[in-house]
């Protein structure tokens, strides 16, 4: 599980960095849905870090609030699963 989280967060950082690069060069971009899907699949720490580090997507409220909300919900789900003995 830890290896998966490391990989998906690295993918999140890479996707945000690539999208920022493409935005600056006026090239084809990574879809917003793809960035949200990476976050939803466990890459929240990486995408939030990259958003702040590269100052990318910080003007869009649904990224500024959406990424952290997804991350918080995932953490709460994992905590609940530990409490219930599922994990």
Protein backbone atom coordinates (compact mmCIF):
# COMPACT_ATOMS: atom_id res chain seq x y z
CA UNK A 1 0.00 0.00 0.00
CA UNK A 2 2.84 2.39 0.86
CA UNK A 3 4.55 1.75 -2.49
CA UNK A 4 1.27 2.46 -4.30
CA UNK A 5 0.81 5.76 -2.42
CA UNK A 6 4.35 6.84 -3.19
CA UNK A 7 3.92 6.04 -6.90
CA UNK A 8 0.50 7.72 -7.28
CA UNK A 9 1.75 10.84 -5.50
CA UNK A 10 4.82 10.99 -7.75
CA UNK A 11 2.47 10.64 -10.73
CA UNK A 12 0.42 13.53 -9.30
CA UNK A 13 3.48 15.74 -9.00
CA UNK A 14 4.58 14.82 -12.50
CA UNK A 15 1.15 15.43 -14.01
CA UNK A 16 0.85 18.85 -12.41
CA UNK A 17 4.40 19.79 -13.47
CA UNK A 18 3.77 18.63 -17.03
CA UNK A 19 0.46 20.49 -17.22
CA UNK A 20 2.14 23.66 -15.94
CA UNK A 21 4.88 23.30 -18.55
CA UNK A 22 2.33 22.74 -21.32
CA UNK A 23 0.30 25.73 -20.15
CA UNK A 24 3.35 27.97 -20.38
CA UNK A 25 4.17 26.67 -23.88
CA UNK A 26 0.56 26.90 -25.14
CA UNK A 27 0.44 23.17 -25.88
CA UNK A 28 -2.19 20.47 -25.42
CA UNK A 29 -2.99 20.13 -21.70
CA UNK A 30 -3.79 17.35 -19.26
CA UNK A 31 -7.52 17.37 -18.58
CA UNK A 32 -8.77 18.67 -15.27
CA UNK A 33 -10.70 15.42 -14.81
CA UNK A 34 -7.43 13.48 -15.06
CA UNK A 35 -5.83 15.65 -12.37
CA UNK A 36 -8.84 15.11 -10.11
CA UNK A 37 -8.78 11.36 -10.80
CA UNK A 38 -5.12 11.15 -9.77
CA UNK A 39 -6.03 12.99 -6.55
CA UNK A 40 -9.04 10.72 -5.98
CA UNK A 41 -6.89 7.61 -6.46
CA UNK A 42 -4.67 8.61 -3.54
CA UNK A 43 -2.39 11.23 -5.07
CA UNK A 44 -3.73 14.13 -3.02
CA UNK A 45 -0.52 14.92 -1.21
CA UNK A 46 1.43 15.02 -4.47
CA UNK A 47 -1.08 17.11 -6.40
CA UNK A 48 -1.52 19.59 -3.55
CA UNK A 49 2.25 19.85 -3.12
CA UNK A 50 2.73 20.42 -6.86
CA UNK A 51 -0.12 22.93 -7.02
CA UNK A 52 1.60 25.02 -4.35
CA UNK A 53 5.17 24.41 -5.52
CA UNK A 54 4.54 25.20 -9.21
CA UNK A 55 1.78 27.75 -8.49
CA UNK A 56 -0.45 25.87 -10.90
CA UNK A 57 -4.26 25.79 -10.78
CA UNK A 58 -4.23 28.10 -7.75
CA UNK A 59 -6.72 30.52 -9.33
CA UNK A 60 -9.40 27.85 -9.75
CA UNK A 61 -11.43 27.46 -6.56
CA UNK A 62 -12.44 23.90 -7.37
CA UNK A 63 -8.76 22.86 -7.30
CA UNK A 64 -7.84 24.97 -4.27
CA UNK A 65 -10.70 23.47 -2.24
CA UNK A 66 -11.35 20.23 -4.14
CA UNK A 67 -7.93 18.61 -3.77
CA UNK A 68 -7.74 19.15 0.03
CA UNK A 69 -11.35 18.02 0.52
CA UNK A 70 -10.67 14.79 -1.38
CA UNK A 71 -7.52 14.20 0.67
CA UNK A 72 -9.31 14.86 3.99
CA UNK A 73 -12.16 12.50 3.05
CA UNK A 74 -9.70 9.77 2.10
CA UNK A 75 -7.83 10.15 5.40
CA UNK A 76 -11.12 10.00 7.32
CA UNK A 77 -12.13 6.84 5.43
CA UNK A 78 -8.81 5.16 6.26
CA UNK A 79 -9.07 6.17 9.94
CA UNK A 80 -12.63 4.81 10.07
CA UNK A 81 -11.49 1.56 8.48
CA UNK A 82 -8.74 1.20 11.11
CA UNK A 83 -11.19 1.89 13.93
CA UNK A 84 -13.66 -0.68 12.58
CA UNK A 85 -10.88 -3.22 12.14
CA UNK A 86 -11.23 -3.45 8.35
CA UNK A 87 -7.57 -2.53 7.81
